[in-house]
PDB file of N, CA and C in Angstrom:
ATOM      1  N   MET A   1    -287.116  10.849  13.546  1.00  0.00           N
ATOM      2  CA  MET A   1    -285.753  11.345  13.582  1.00  0.00           C
ATOM      3  C   MET A   1    -285.675  12.442  14.655  1.00  0.00           C
ATOM      4  N   ALA A   2    -284.675  12.303  15.506  1.00  0.00           N
ATOM      5  CA  ALA A   2    -284.455  13.290  16.562  1.00  0.00           C
ATOM      6  C   ALA A   2    -283.810  14.545  15.966  1.00  0.00           C
ATOM      7  N   SER A   3    -283.882  15.634  16.693  1.00  0.00           N
ATOM      8  CA  SER A   3    -283.310  16.894  16.225  1.00  0.00           C
ATOM      9  C   SER A   3    -281.860  17.036  16.697  1.00  0.00           C
ATOM     10  N   VAL A   4    -281.175  17.997  16.129  1.00  0.00           N
ATOM     11  CA  VAL A   4    -279.800  18.289  16.541  1.00  0.00           C
ATOM     12  C   VAL A   4    -279.772  18.694  18.014  1.00  0.00           C
ATOM     13  N   ASP A   5    -280.750  19.495  18.438  1.00  0.00           N
ATOM     14  CA  ASP A   5    -280.805  19.911  19.842  1.00  0.00           C
ATOM     15  C   ASP A   5    -281.008  18.730  20.779  1.00  0.00           C
ATOM     16  N   GLU A   6    -281.839  17.768  20.380  1.00  0.00           N
ATOM     17  CA  GLU A   6    -282.041  16.573  21.202  1.00  0.00           C
ATOM     18  C   GLU A   6    -280.758  15.747  21.296  1.00  0.00           C
ATOM     19  N   CYS A   7    -280.010  15.660  20.213  1.00  0.00           N
ATOM     20  CA  CYS A   7    -278.727  14.944  20.229  1.00  0.00           C
ATOM     21  C   CYS A   7    -277.709  15.664  21.107  1.00  0.00           C
ATOM     22  N   ARG A   8    -277.681  16.988  21.010  1.00  0.00           N
ATOM     23  CA  ARG A   8    -276.779  17.779  21.850  1.00  0.00           C
ATOM     24  C   ARG A   8    -277.114  17.546  23.331  1.00  0.00           C
ATOM     25  N   GLN A   9    -278.407  17.558  23.656  1.00  0.00           N
ATOM     26  CA  GLN A   9    -278.838  17.331  25.036  1.00  0.00           C
ATOM     27  C   GLN A   9    -278.487  15.920  25.492  1.00  0.00           C
ATOM     28  N   ALA A  10    -278.604  14.937  24.604  1.00  0.00           N
ATOM     29  CA  ALA A  10    -278.236  13.564  24.954  1.00  0.00           C
ATOM     30  C   ALA A  10    -276.757  13.478  25.308  1.00  0.00           C
ATOM     31  N   LEU A  11    -275.911  14.167  24.550  1.00  0.00           N
ATOM     32  CA  LEU A  11    -274.477  14.165  24.860  1.00  0.00           C
ATOM     33  C   LEU A  11    -274.194  14.874  26.179  1.00  0.00           C
ATOM     34  N   GLU A  12    -274.923  15.953  26.453  1.00  0.00           N
ATOM     35  CA  GLU A  12    -274.770  16.642  27.740  1.00  0.00           C
ATOM     36  C   GLU A  12    -275.205  15.721  28.892  1.00  0.00           C
ATOM     37  N   ASP A  13    -276.291  14.973  28.677  1.00  0.00           N
ATOM     38  CA  ASP A  13    -276.753  14.022  29.694  1.00  0.00           C
ATOM     39  C   ASP A  13    -275.723  12.922  29.913  1.00  0.00           C
ATOM     40  N   LEU A  14    -275.127  12.443  28.817  1.00  0.00           N
ATOM     41  CA  LEU A  14    -274.080  11.431  28.925  1.00  0.00           C
ATOM     42  C   LEU A  14    -272.893  11.980  29.699  1.00  0.00           C
ATOM     43  N   ALA A  15    -272.518  13.221  29.418  1.00  0.00           N
ATOM     44  CA  ALA A  15    -271.405  13.847  30.136  1.00  0.00           C
ATOM     45  C   ALA A  15    -271.697  13.918  31.632  1.00  0.00           C
ATOM     46  N   ALA A  16    -272.918  14.269  31.987  1.00  0.00           N
ATOM     47  CA  ALA A  16    -273.289  14.348  33.402  1.00  0.00           C
ATOM     48  C   ALA A  16    -273.238  12.970  34.058  1.00  0.00           C
ATOM     49  N   ARG A  17    -273.719  11.953  33.342  1.00  0.00           N
ATOM     50  CA  ARG A  17    -273.684  10.593  33.889  1.00  0.00           C
ATOM     51  C   ARG A  17    -272.247  10.094  34.061  1.00  0.00           C
ATOM     52  N   LEU A  18    -271.394  10.350  33.077  1.00  0.00           N
ATOM     53  CA  LEU A  18    -269.988   9.946  33.181  1.00  0.00           C
ATOM     54  C   LEU A  18    -269.297  10.682  34.319  1.00  0.00           C
ATOM     55  N   ASP A  19    -269.654  11.943  34.498  1.00  0.00           N
ATOM     56  CA  ASP A  19    -269.078  12.729  35.586  1.00  0.00           C
ATOM     57  C   ASP A  19    -269.436  12.110  36.941  1.00  0.00           C
ATOM     58  N   ALA A  20    -270.684  11.723  37.108  1.00  0.00           N
ATOM     59  CA  ALA A  20    -271.118  11.097  38.360  1.00  0.00           C
ATOM     60  C   ALA A  20    -270.446   9.739  38.544  1.00  0.00           C
ATOM     61  N   ASN A  21    -270.323   8.970  37.467  1.00  0.00           N
ATOM     62  CA  ASN A  21    -269.680   7.654  37.560  1.00  0.00           C
ATOM     63  C   ASN A  21    -268.192   7.769  37.856  1.00  0.00           C
ATOM     64  N   ALA A  22    -267.539   8.769  37.291  1.00  0.00           N
ATOM     65  CA  ALA A  22    -266.100   8.947  37.515  1.00  0.00           C
ATOM     66  C   ALA A  22    -265.822   9.221  38.980  1.00  0.00           C
ATOM     67  N   ALA A  23    -266.728   9.925  39.635  1.00  0.00           N
ATOM     68  CA  ALA A  23    -266.546  10.237  41.054  1.00  0.00           C
ATOM     69  C   ALA A  23    -266.650   8.983  41.916  1.00  0.00           C
ATOM     70  N   THR A  24    -267.489   8.017  41.504  1.00  0.00           N
ATOM     71  CA  THR A  24    -267.662   6.814  42.315  1.00  0.00           C
ATOM     72  C   THR A  24    -266.721   5.688  41.916  1.00  0.00           C
ATOM     73  N   ARG A  25    -266.353   5.610  40.648  1.00  0.00           N
ATOM     74  CA  ARG A  25    -265.498   4.518  40.177  1.00  0.00           C
ATOM     75  C   ARG A  25    -264.007   4.835  40.238  1.00  0.00           C
ATOM     76  N   GLY A  26    -263.667   6.064  40.403  1.00  0.00           N
ATOM     77  CA  GLY A  26    -262.253   6.431  40.373  1.00  0.00           C
ATOM     78  C   GLY A  26    -261.851   6.880  38.989  1.00  0.00           C
ATOM     79  N   LYS A  27    -260.676   7.423  38.909  1.00  0.00           N
ATOM     80  CA  LYS A  27    -260.182   7.999  37.663  1.00  0.00           C
ATOM     81  C   LYS A  27    -259.803   6.911  36.668  1.00  0.00           C
ATOM     82  N   LEU A  28    -260.211   7.099  35.420  1.00  0.00           N
ATOM     83  CA  LEU A  28    -259.859   6.198  34.334  1.00  0.00           C
ATOM     84  C   LEU A  28    -258.784   6.884  33.502  1.00  0.00           C
ATOM     85  N   ASP A  29    -257.705   6.191  33.255  1.00  0.00           N
ATOM     86  CA  ASP A  29    -256.585   6.752  32.512  1.00  0.00           C
ATOM     87  C   ASP A  29    -256.897   6.742  31.011  1.00  0.00           C
ATOM     88  N   LEU A  30    -257.656   7.725  30.579  1.00  0.00           N
ATOM     89  CA  LEU A  30    -258.013   7.839  29.170  1.00  0.00           C
ATOM     90  C   LEU A  30    -258.190   9.320  28.853  1.00  0.00           C
ATOM     91  N   ASP A  31    -257.337   9.829  28.001  1.00  0.00           N
ATOM     92  CA  ASP A  31    -257.427  11.225  27.584  1.00  0.00           C
ATOM     93  C   ASP A  31    -257.344  11.246  26.059  1.00  0.00           C
ATOM     94  N   ARG A  32    -258.518  11.314  25.439  1.00  0.00           N
ATOM     95  CA  ARG A  32    -258.591  11.243  23.980  1.00  0.00           C
ATOM     96  C   ARG A  32    -259.626  12.235  23.458  1.00  0.00           C
ATOM     97  N   THR A  33    -259.387  12.708  22.245  1.00  0.00           N
ATOM     98  CA  THR A  33    -260.392  13.524  21.569  1.00  0.00           C
ATOM     99  C   THR A  33    -261.477  12.590  21.040  1.00  0.00           C
ATOM    100  N   LEU A  34    -262.696  13.131  20.981  1.00  0.00           N
ATOM    101  CA  LEU A  34    -263.855  12.337  20.583  1.00  0.00           C
ATOM    102  C   LEU A  34    -264.681  13.111  19.568  1.00  0.00           C
ATOM    103  N   ALA A  35    -265.112  12.428  18.525  1.00  0.00           N
ATOM    104  CA  ALA A  35    -266.046  13.004  17.556  1.00  0.00           C
ATOM    105  C   ALA A  35    -267.293  12.142  17.555  1.00  0.00           C
ATOM    106  N   CYS A  36    -268.434  12.793  17.523  1.00  0.00           N
ATOM    107  CA  CYS A  36    -269.719  12.104  17.428  1.00  0.00           C
ATOM    108  C   CYS A  36    -270.382  12.588  16.146  1.00  0.00           C
ATOM    109  N   ARG A  37    -270.514  11.685  15.190  1.00  0.00           N
ATOM    110  CA  ARG A  37    -271.069  12.037  13.884  1.00  0.00           C
ATOM    111  C   ARG A  37    -272.469  11.457  13.742  1.00  0.00           C
ATOM    112  N   ILE A  38    -273.386  12.293  13.281  1.00  0.00           N
ATOM    113  CA  ILE A  38    -274.795  11.907  13.164  1.00  0.00           C
ATOM    114  C   ILE A  38    -275.195  12.091  11.702  1.00  0.00           C
ATOM    115  N   PRO A  39    -275.025  11.038  10.891  1.00  0.00           N
ATOM    116  CA  PRO A  39    -275.213  11.179   9.446  1.00  0.00           C
ATOM    117  C   PRO A  39    -276.635  11.553   9.019  1.00  0.00           C
ATOM    118  N   ASP A  40    -277.670  11.075   9.699  1.00  0.00           N
ATOM    119  CA  ASP A  40    -279.030  11.388   9.248  1.00  0.00           C
ATOM    120  C   ASP A  40    -279.387  12.855   9.432  1.00  0.00           C
ATOM    121  N   LEU A  41    -278.674  13.551  10.298  1.00  0.00           N
ATOM    122  CA  LEU A  41    -278.891  14.989  10.490  1.00  0.00           C
ATOM    123  C   LEU A  41    -277.808  15.826   9.825  1.00  0.00           C
ATOM    124  N   ASP A  42    -276.808  15.151   9.255  1.00  0.00           N
ATOM    125  CA  ASP A  42    -275.647  15.838   8.697  1.00  0.00           C
ATOM    126  C   ASP A  42    -275.062  16.787   9.740  1.00  0.00           C
ATOM    127  N   ALA A  43    -274.888  16.242  10.955  1.00  0.00           N
ATOM    128  CA  ALA A  43    -274.389  17.038  12.083  1.00  0.00           C
ATOM    129  C   ALA A  43    -273.274  16.262  12.786  1.00  0.00           C
ATOM    130  N   ALA A  44    -272.522  16.977  13.576  1.00  0.00           N
ATOM    131  CA  ALA A  44    -271.450  16.355  14.347  1.00  0.00           C
ATOM    132  C   ALA A  44    -271.159  17.202  15.578  1.00  0.00           C
ATOM    133  N   PHE A  45    -270.592  16.552  16.575  1.00  0.00           N
ATOM    134  CA  PHE A  45    -270.137  17.197  17.797  1.00  0.00           C
ATOM    135  C   PHE A  45    -268.750  16.660  18.104  1.00  0.00           C
ATOM    136  N   HIS A  46    -268.013  17.394  18.880  1.00  0.00           N
ATOM    137  CA  HIS A  46    -266.711  16.897  19.308  1.00  0.00           C
ATOM    138  C   HIS A  46    -266.482  17.313  20.754  1.00  0.00           C
ATOM    139  N   GLY A  47    -265.577  16.607  21.384  1.00  0.00           N
ATOM    140  CA  GLY A  47    -265.228  16.880  22.772  1.00  0.00           C
ATOM    141  C   GLY A  47    -263.989  16.090  23.130  1.00  0.00           C
ATOM    142  N   ARG A  48    -263.834  15.858  24.426  1.00  0.00           N
ATOM    143  CA  ARG A  48    -262.651  15.149  24.889  1.00  0.00           C
ATOM    144  C   ARG A  48    -263.042  14.265  26.060  1.00  0.00           C
ATOM    145  N   LEU A  49    -262.542  13.038  26.048  1.00  0.00           N
ATOM    146  CA  LEU A  49    -262.673  12.153  27.195  1.00  0.00           C
ATOM    147  C   LEU A  49    -261.430  12.340  28.039  1.00  0.00           C
ATOM    148  N   ALA A  50    -261.619  12.683  29.291  1.00  0.00           N
ATOM    149  CA  ALA A  50    -260.488  12.915  30.191  1.00  0.00           C
ATOM    150  C   ALA A  50    -260.843  12.394  31.570  1.00  0.00           C
ATOM    151  N   GLY A  51    -260.065  11.434  32.052  1.00  0.00           N
ATOM    152  CA  GLY A  51    -260.282  10.912  33.391  1.00  0.00           C
ATOM    153  C   GLY A  51    -261.667  10.325  33.610  1.00  0.00           C
ATOM    154  N   GLY A  52    -262.229   9.695  32.573  1.00  0.00           N
ATOM    155  CA  GLY A  52    -263.552   9.113  32.691  1.00  0.00           C
ATOM    156  C   GLY A  52    -264.690  10.093  32.524  1.00  0.00           C
ATOM    157  N   ARG A  53    -264.367  11.308  32.131  1.00  0.00           N
ATOM    158  CA  ARG A  53    -265.381  12.352  31.943  1.00  0.00           C
ATOM    159  C   ARG A  53    -265.405  12.809  30.484  1.00  0.00           C
ATOM    160  N   LEU A  54    -266.567  13.250  30.034  1.00  0.00           N
ATOM    161  CA  LEU A  54    -266.709  13.839  28.708  1.00  0.00           C
ATOM    162  C   LEU A  54    -266.785  15.342  28.892  1.00  0.00           C
ATOM    163  N   VAL A  55    -265.790  16.054  28.367  1.00  0.00           N
ATOM    164  CA  VAL A  55    -265.691  17.495  28.592  1.00  0.00           C
ATOM    165  C   VAL A  55    -265.556  18.235  27.256  1.00  0.00           C
ATOM    166  N   ASP A  56    -265.750  19.533  27.319  1.00  0.00           N
ATOM    167  CA  ASP A  56    -265.546  20.430  26.172  1.00  0.00           C
ATOM    168  C   ASP A  56    -266.380  20.044  24.952  1.00  0.00           C
ATOM    169  N   ILE A  57    -267.645  19.697  25.160  1.00  0.00           N
ATOM    170  CA  ILE A  57    -268.520  19.336  24.051  1.00  0.00           C
ATOM    171  C   ILE A  57    -268.849  20.584  23.243  1.00  0.00           C
ATOM    172  N   ALA A  58    -268.675  20.476  21.931  1.00  0.00           N
ATOM    173  CA  ALA A  58    -268.942  21.611  21.044  1.00  0.00           C
ATOM    174  C   ALA A  58    -269.515  21.103  19.721  1.00  0.00           C
ATOM    175  N   ASP A  59    -270.170  21.982  18.999  1.00  0.00           N
ATOM    176  CA  ASP A  59    -270.704  21.638  17.679  1.00  0.00           C
ATOM    177  C   ASP A  59    -269.559  21.499  16.695  1.00  0.00           C
ATOM    178  N   GLY A  60    -269.778  20.658  15.685  1.00  0.00           N
ATOM    179  CA  GLY A  60    -268.805  20.490  14.616  1.00  0.00           C
ATOM    180  C   GLY A  60    -267.997  19.218  14.771  1.00  0.00           C
ATOM    181  N   ASP A  61    -267.436  18.796  13.675  1.00  0.00           N
ATOM    182  CA  ASP A  61    -266.657  17.559  13.629  1.00  0.00           C
ATOM    183  C   ASP A  61    -265.195  17.831  13.969  1.00  0.00           C
ATOM    184  N   ASP A  62    -264.522  16.807  14.415  1.00  0.00           N
ATOM    185  CA  ASP A  62    -263.076  16.850  14.585  1.00  0.00           C
ATOM    186  C   ASP A  62    -262.521  15.664  13.798  1.00  0.00           C
ATOM    187  N   PRO A  63    -262.111  15.889  12.549  1.00  0.00           N
ATOM    188  CA  PRO A  63    -261.650  14.778  11.715  1.00  0.00           C
ATOM    189  C   PRO A  63    -260.411  14.087  12.260  1.00  0.00           C
ATOM    190  N   ARG A  64    -259.690  14.723  13.167  1.00  0.00           N
ATOM    191  CA  ARG A  64    -258.478  14.122  13.737  1.00  0.00           C
ATOM    192  C   ARG A  64    -258.738  13.458  15.092  1.00  0.00           C
ATOM    193  N   ALA A  65    -260.007  13.329  15.486  1.00  0.00           N
ATOM    194  CA  ALA A  65    -260.343  12.744  16.788  1.00  0.00           C
ATOM    195  C   ALA A  65    -259.833  11.307  16.874  1.00  0.00           C
ATOM    196  N   LYS A  66    -259.331  10.942  18.023  1.00  0.00           N
ATOM    197  CA  LYS A  66    -258.799   9.599  18.248  1.00  0.00           C
ATOM    198  C   LYS A  66    -259.907   8.561  18.387  1.00  0.00           C
ATOM    199  N   ILE A  67    -261.099   9.007  18.816  1.00  0.00           N
ATOM    200  CA  ILE A  67    -262.254   8.121  18.946  1.00  0.00           C
ATOM    201  C   ILE A  67    -263.396   8.754  18.167  1.00  0.00           C
ATOM    202  N   ALA A  68    -264.036   7.965  17.309  1.00  0.00           N
ATOM    203  CA  ALA A  68    -265.166   8.466  16.522  1.00  0.00           C
ATOM    204  C   ALA A  68    -266.376   7.567  16.743  1.00  0.00           C
ATOM    205  N   LEU A  69    -267.476   8.182  17.120  1.00  0.00           N
ATOM    206  CA  LEU A  69    -268.748   7.500  17.297  1.00  0.00           C
ATOM    207  C   LEU A  69    -269.651   7.957  16.159  1.00  0.00           C
ATOM    208  N   VAL A  70    -270.213   6.996  15.425  1.00  0.00           N
ATOM    209  CA  VAL A  70    -271.102   7.319  14.318  1.00  0.00           C
ATOM    210  C   VAL A  70    -272.428   6.616  14.575  1.00  0.00           C
ATOM    211  N   ALA A  71    -273.501   7.399  14.639  1.00  0.00           N
ATOM    212  CA  ALA A  71    -274.827   6.839  14.890  1.00  0.00           C
ATOM    213  C   ALA A  71    -275.885   7.776  14.343  1.00  0.00           C
ATOM    214  N   ASN A  72    -276.988   7.209  13.885  1.00  0.00           N
ATOM    215  CA  ASN A  72    -278.131   8.038  13.521  1.00  0.00           C
ATOM    216  C   ASN A  72    -278.721   8.632  14.789  1.00  0.00           C
ATOM    217  N   SER A  73    -279.451   9.708  14.644  1.00  0.00           N
ATOM    218  CA  SER A  73    -279.939  10.474  15.792  1.00  0.00           C
ATOM    219  C   SER A  73    -280.758   9.629  16.772  1.00  0.00           C
ATOM    220  N   ASP A  74    -281.698   8.850  16.269  1.00  0.00           N
ATOM    221  CA  ASP A  74    -282.528   8.039  17.166  1.00  0.00           C
ATOM    222  C   ASP A  74    -281.715   6.986  17.899  1.00  0.00           C
ATOM    223  N   ASP A  75    -280.736   6.383  17.215  1.00  0.00           N
ATOM    224  CA  ASP A  75    -279.888   5.374  17.850  1.00  0.00           C
ATOM    225  C   ASP A  75    -278.989   6.000  18.915  1.00  0.00           C
ATOM    226  N   LEU A  76    -278.470   7.185  18.650  1.00  0.00           N
ATOM    227  CA  LEU A  76    -277.647   7.876  19.646  1.00  0.00           C
ATOM    228  C   LEU A  76    -278.446   8.124  20.918  1.00  0.00           C
ATOM    229  N   ILE A  77    -279.642   8.640  20.772  1.00  0.00           N
ATOM    230  CA  ILE A  77    -280.479   8.925  21.940  1.00  0.00           C
ATOM    231  C   ILE A  77    -280.859   7.646  22.658  1.00  0.00           C
ATOM    232  N   ALA A  78    -281.152   6.575  21.915  1.00  0.00           N
ATOM    233  CA  ALA A  78    -281.512   5.299  22.535  1.00  0.00           C
ATOM    234  C   ALA A  78    -280.347   4.721  23.336  1.00  0.00           C
ATOM    235  N   VAL A  79    -279.131   4.846  22.823  1.00  0.00           N
ATOM    236  CA  VAL A  79    -277.955   4.349  23.552  1.00  0.00           C
ATOM    237  C   VAL A  79    -277.727   5.174  24.819  1.00  0.00           C
ATOM    238  N   VAL A  80    -277.804   6.477  24.695  1.00  0.00           N
ATOM    239  CA  VAL A  80    -277.537   7.351  25.844  1.00  0.00           C
ATOM    240  C   VAL A  80    -278.587   7.165  26.940  1.00  0.00           C
ATOM    241  N   THR A  81    -279.845   6.980  26.550  1.00  0.00           N
ATOM    242  CA  THR A  81    -280.907   6.822  27.544  1.00  0.00           C
ATOM    243  C   THR A  81    -281.007   5.401  28.084  1.00  0.00           C
ATOM    244  N   GLY A  82    -280.280   4.474  27.474  1.00  0.00           N
ATOM    245  CA  GLY A  82    -280.301   3.095  27.956  1.00  0.00           C
ATOM    246  C   GLY A  82    -281.368   2.228  27.316  1.00  0.00           C
ATOM    247  N   ARG A  83    -282.101   2.756  26.366  1.00  0.00           N
ATOM    248  CA  ARG A  83    -283.112   1.951  25.668  1.00  0.00           C
ATOM    249  C   ARG A  83    -282.476   0.989  24.676  1.00  0.00           C
ATOM    250  N   LEU A  84    -281.218   1.233  24.301  1.00  0.00           N
ATOM    251  CA  LEU A  84    -280.483   0.382  23.374  1.00  0.00           C
ATOM    252  C   LEU A  84    -279.126   0.085  23.995  1.00  0.00           C
ATOM    253  N   ASP A  85    -278.831  -1.194  24.157  1.00  0.00           N
ATOM    254  CA  ASP A  85    -277.549  -1.606  24.721  1.00  0.00           C
ATOM    255  C   ASP A  85    -276.431  -1.277  23.730  1.00  0.00           C
ATOM    256  N   VAL A  86    -275.382  -0.628  24.215  1.00  0.00           N
ATOM    257  CA  VAL A  86    -274.306  -0.177  23.330  1.00  0.00           C
ATOM    258  C   VAL A  86    -273.607  -1.356  22.663  1.00  0.00           C
ATOM    259  N   THR A  87    -273.410  -2.469  23.366  1.00  0.00           N
ATOM    260  CA  THR A  87    -272.760  -3.630  22.763  1.00  0.00           C
ATOM    261  C   THR A  87    -273.620  -4.197  21.636  1.00  0.00           C
ATOM    262  N   ARG A  88    -274.912  -4.302  21.892  1.00  0.00           N
ATOM    263  CA  ARG A  88    -275.836  -4.794  20.860  1.00  0.00           C
ATOM    264  C   ARG A  88    -275.871  -3.823  19.684  1.00  0.00           C
ATOM    265  N   ALA A  89    -275.844  -2.534  19.954  1.00  0.00           N
ATOM    266  CA  ALA A  89    -275.881  -1.538  18.888  1.00  0.00           C
ATOM    267  C   ALA A  89    -274.641  -1.613  18.009  1.00  0.00           C
ATOM    268  N   VAL A  90    -273.494  -1.843  18.617  1.00  0.00           N
ATOM    269  CA  VAL A  90    -272.248  -1.945  17.847  1.00  0.00           C
ATOM    270  C   VAL A  90    -272.227  -3.238  17.036  1.00  0.00           C
ATOM    271  N   THR A  91    -272.607  -4.361  17.663  1.00  0.00           N
ATOM    272  CA  THR A  91    -272.570  -5.637  16.936  1.00  0.00           C
ATOM    273  C   THR A  91    -273.594  -5.686  15.805  1.00  0.00           C
ATOM    274  N   SER A  92    -274.702  -4.964  15.947  1.00  0.00           N
ATOM    275  CA  SER A  92    -275.710  -4.923  14.880  1.00  0.00           C
ATOM    276  C   SER A  92    -275.425  -3.805  13.872  1.00  0.00           C
ATOM    277  N   ARG A  93    -274.356  -3.070  14.094  1.00  0.00           N
ATOM    278  CA  ARG A  93    -273.912  -1.977  13.214  1.00  0.00           C
ATOM    279  C   ARG A  93    -274.864  -0.793  13.178  1.00  0.00           C
ATOM    280  N   GLN A  94    -275.670  -0.640  14.222  1.00  0.00           N
ATOM    281  CA  GLN A  94    -276.483   0.570  14.343  1.00  0.00           C
ATOM    282  C   GLN A  94    -275.604   1.730  14.779  1.00  0.00           C
ATOM    283  N   VAL A  95    -274.555   1.401  15.527  1.00  0.00           N
ATOM    284  CA  VAL A  95    -273.599   2.378  16.034  1.00  0.00           C
ATOM    285  C   VAL A  95    -272.208   1.883  15.680  1.00  0.00           C
ATOM    286  N   SER A  96    -271.367   2.788  15.265  1.00  0.00           N
ATOM    287  CA  SER A  96    -269.983   2.453  14.949  1.00  0.00           C
ATOM    288  C   SER A  96    -269.062   3.251  15.867  1.00  0.00           C
ATOM    289  N   ILE A  97    -268.100   2.557  16.467  1.00  0.00           N
ATOM    290  CA  ILE A  97    -267.089   3.223  17.288  1.00  0.00           C
ATOM    291  C   ILE A  97    -265.736   2.890  16.694  1.00  0.00           C
ATOM    292  N   LYS A  98    -265.033   3.922  16.266  1.00  0.00           N
ATOM    293  CA  LYS A  98    -263.709   3.743  15.677  1.00  0.00           C
ATOM    294  C   LYS A  98    -262.677   4.245  16.672  1.00  0.00           C
ATOM    295  N   ALA A  99    -261.837   3.329  17.121  1.00  0.00           N
ATOM    296  CA  ALA A  99    -260.783   3.659  18.079  1.00  0.00           C
ATOM    297  C   ALA A  99    -259.768   2.530  18.058  1.00  0.00           C
ATOM    298  N   ASN A 100    -258.599   2.778  18.624  1.00  0.00           N
ATOM    299  CA  ASN A 100    -257.641   1.691  18.684  1.00  0.00           C
ATOM    300  C   ASN A 100    -258.127   0.668  19.713  1.00  0.00           C
ATOM    301  N   PRO A 101    -257.700  -0.586  19.614  1.00  0.00           N
ATOM    302  CA  PRO A 101    -258.216  -1.647  20.495  1.00  0.00           C
ATOM    303  C   PRO A 101    -258.032  -1.363  21.986  1.00  0.00           C
ATOM    304  N   PHE A 102    -256.948  -0.743  22.360  1.00  0.00           N
ATOM    305  CA  PHE A 102    -256.716  -0.448  23.777  1.00  0.00           C
ATOM    306  C   PHE A 102    -257.710   0.591  24.294  1.00  0.00           C
ATOM    307  N   ASP A 103    -258.013   1.582  23.460  1.00  0.00           N
ATOM    308  CA  ASP A 103    -259.007   2.579  23.845  1.00  0.00           C
ATOM    309  C   ASP A 103    -260.400   1.951  23.951  1.00  0.00           C
ATOM    310  N   LEU A 104    -260.710   1.016  23.055  1.00  0.00           N
ATOM    311  CA  LEU A 104    -262.009   0.337  23.124  1.00  0.00           C
ATOM    312  C   LEU A 104    -262.169  -0.416  24.434  1.00  0.00           C
ATOM    313  N   LEU A 105    -261.105  -1.056  24.896  1.00  0.00           N
ATOM    314  CA  LEU A 105    -261.153  -1.774  26.180  1.00  0.00           C
ATOM    315  C   LEU A 105    -261.412  -0.797  27.335  1.00  0.00           C
ATOM    316  N   LYS A 106    -260.771   0.351  27.287  1.00  0.00           N
ATOM    317  CA  LYS A 106    -260.990   1.353  28.325  1.00  0.00           C
ATOM    318  C   LYS A 106    -262.397   1.938  28.248  1.00  0.00           C
ATOM    319  N   LEU A 107    -262.901   2.120  27.032  1.00  0.00           N
ATOM    320  CA  LEU A 107    -264.245   2.667  26.860  1.00  0.00           C
ATOM    321  C   LEU A 107    -265.300   1.732  27.464  1.00  0.00           C
ATOM    322  N   ARG A 108    -265.073   0.440  27.399  1.00  0.00           N
ATOM    323  CA  ARG A 108    -266.020  -0.519  27.969  1.00  0.00           C
ATOM    324  C   ARG A 108    -266.236  -0.254  29.446  1.00  0.00           C
ATOM    325  N   LYS A 109    -265.189   0.198  30.131  1.00  0.00           N
ATOM    326  CA  LYS A 109    -265.304   0.493  31.555  1.00  0.00           C
ATOM    327  C   LYS A 109    -266.217   1.689  31.809  1.00  0.00           C
ATOM    328  N   LEU A 110    -266.258   2.609  30.842  1.00  0.00           N
ATOM    329  CA  LEU A 110    -267.114   3.794  30.997  1.00  0.00           C
ATOM    330  C   LEU A 110    -268.583   3.466  30.766  1.00  0.00           C
ATOM    331  N   LEU A 111    -268.839   2.550  29.850  1.00  0.00           N
ATOM    332  CA  LEU A 111    -270.206   2.271  29.447  1.00  0.00           C
ATOM    333  C   LEU A 111    -270.734   1.127  30.264  1.00  0.00           C
TER     334      LEU A 111
END
């Protein structure tokens, strides 16, 4: 089981990767609040997706977030590092992404 600090660092790494991709792919019209819940650690983070970037990452849950990602710590790190394909993780229910269908289509462009 990964630690809370390792999960926080994984989200920071994801933010950096999305930032670099946004610069090369162009702006994505998606501005939504995001919650990342890690049940095995009883921890959560929240932030905001804006223009293809993940910004304002902070500790704690946002129960009103428009997009919610739920994953155990090891699965979160595996998805972020590329050791686990996000589509495979979602279809196998290792990772859950709750969002409206239009947001899910836009999220596919980010991942």
